[in-house]
Amino acid sequence: MILLTEVYKLNEHATNEKKEYSLREILINPEHIFMLREDKKMSERQEKGLLPPDLDERQKFTRIHFSTLNHSAITVVGEVVLTSNKLRGA
């Protein structure tokens, strides 16, 4: 299990411009990951001020897609290469 920081929505039912986000630590089993890619939409949300203010404005985000039946995905703090290295234990 690998410890990462997830960016998640506080208010699922708000309109897109009024959604607020927060951070939480999560544990991920790397064996269930299907794909990683940069989450540019989260970077756009950060530019609009929708993410926690304590995040560095240069911060990048990675979208992790899981190989589960419901094809779920989450966004974590960190660029794709750094996230990949952490998941591989490098």
Protein backbone atom coordinates (compact mmCIF):
# COMPACT_ATOMS: atom_id res chain seq x y z
CA MET A 1 0.00 0.00 0.00
CA ILE A 2 1.25 3.46 -0.95
CA LEU A 3 0.31 6.69 0.86
CA LEU A 4 -0.78 9.56 -1.42
CA THR A 5 -2.73 12.81 -1.02
CA GLU A 6 -6.11 12.88 -2.77
CA VAL A 7 -7.95 16.00 -3.93
CA TYR A 8 -11.69 15.45 -3.43
CA LYS A 9 -14.93 17.43 -3.76
CA LEU A 10 -16.59 18.63 -0.58
CA ASN A 11 -19.92 19.34 -2.25
CA GLU A 12 -20.89 16.81 -4.93
CA HIS A 13 -24.20 18.50 -5.81
CA ALA A 14 -23.01 22.07 -6.38
CA THR A 15 -22.61 23.61 -9.81
CA ASN A 16 -19.12 23.28 -11.28
CA GLU A 17 -18.02 26.82 -10.33
CA LYS A 18 -19.15 26.46 -6.69
CA LYS A 19 -17.56 23.12 -5.86
CA GLU A 20 -15.01 23.30 -3.11
CA TYR A 21 -12.19 20.82 -2.73
CA SER A 22 -10.13 19.48 0.13
CA LEU A 23 -7.19 17.13 0.68
CA ARG A 24 -6.94 13.79 2.48
CA GLU A 25 -4.37 11.05 2.79
CA ILE A 26 -5.25 7.73 1.16
CA LEU A 27 -3.62 4.33 0.82
CA ILE A 28 -3.54 2.80 -2.68
CA ASN A 29 -2.80 -0.73 -3.78
CA PRO A 30 -0.64 -0.23 -6.92
CA GLU A 31 -1.66 -3.63 -8.29
CA HIS A 32 -5.13 -2.26 -9.09
CA ILE A 33 -3.99 0.71 -11.18
CA PHE A 34 -4.81 0.72 -14.88
CA MET A 35 -3.53 4.13 -16.00
CA LEU A 36 -2.01 7.43 -14.83
CA ARG A 37 -2.35 10.77 -16.60
CA GLU A 38 -2.00 14.47 -15.83
CA ASP A 39 -5.21 16.04 -14.51
CA LYS A 40 -5.24 19.42 -16.27
CA LYS A 41 -8.81 20.16 -15.16
CA MET A 42 -7.66 20.12 -11.55
CA SER A 43 -4.90 22.60 -12.44
CA GLU A 44 -7.58 24.85 -13.97
CA ARG A 45 -9.63 24.60 -10.78
CA GLN A 46 -6.58 25.61 -8.79
CA GLU A 47 -6.13 28.69 -11.00
CA LYS A 48 -9.77 29.62 -10.27
CA GLY A 49 -9.13 29.37 -6.52
CA LEU A 50 -11.34 26.33 -5.94
CA LEU A 51 -8.61 24.21 -4.28
CA PRO A 52 -7.18 24.61 -0.77
CA PRO A 53 -5.09 27.80 -0.58
CA ASP A 54 -2.10 26.05 1.03
CA LEU A 55 -1.25 24.23 -2.24
CA ASP A 56 1.65 25.71 -4.20
CA GLU A 57 0.37 27.43 -7.36
CA ARG A 58 2.88 25.41 -9.45
CA GLN A 59 1.51 22.10 -8.15
CA LYS A 60 0.61 19.43 -10.74
CA PHE A 61 -2.01 16.68 -10.34
CA THR A 62 -2.30 13.06 -11.47
CA ARG A 63 -5.51 11.21 -12.31
CA ILE A 64 -5.27 7.54 -11.28
CA HIS A 65 -7.61 5.11 -13.04
CA PHE A 66 -8.25 1.76 -11.39
CA SER A 67 -8.82 -1.59 -13.08
CA THR A 68 -12.01 -2.29 -11.14
CA LEU A 69 -15.48 -3.17 -12.35
CA ASN A 70 -16.72 0.41 -12.02
CA HIS A 71 -13.55 1.92 -13.58
CA SER A 72 -13.21 4.44 -10.77
CA ALA A 73 -10.61 7.19 -10.77
CA ILE A 74 -9.21 9.69 -8.28
CA THR A 75 -6.94 12.74 -8.45
CA VAL A 76 -3.82 12.98 -6.32
CA VAL A 77 -1.32 15.74 -5.66
CA GLY A 78 1.88 15.34 -7.68
CA GLU A 79 3.04 15.14 -11.28
CA VAL A 80 2.63 11.90 -13.22
CA VAL A 81 6.31 10.88 -13.21
CA LEU A 82 6.73 11.49 -9.47
CA THR A 83 3.48 9.67 -8.69
CA SER A 84 4.52 6.76 -10.89
CA ASN A 85 7.90 6.54 -9.15
CA LYS A 86 6.24 6.55 -5.74
CA LEU A 87 3.82 3.79 -6.80
CA ARG A 88 6.73 1.68 -8.06
CA GLY A 89 8.64 2.22 -4.84
CA ALA A 90 11.42 4.19 -6.52
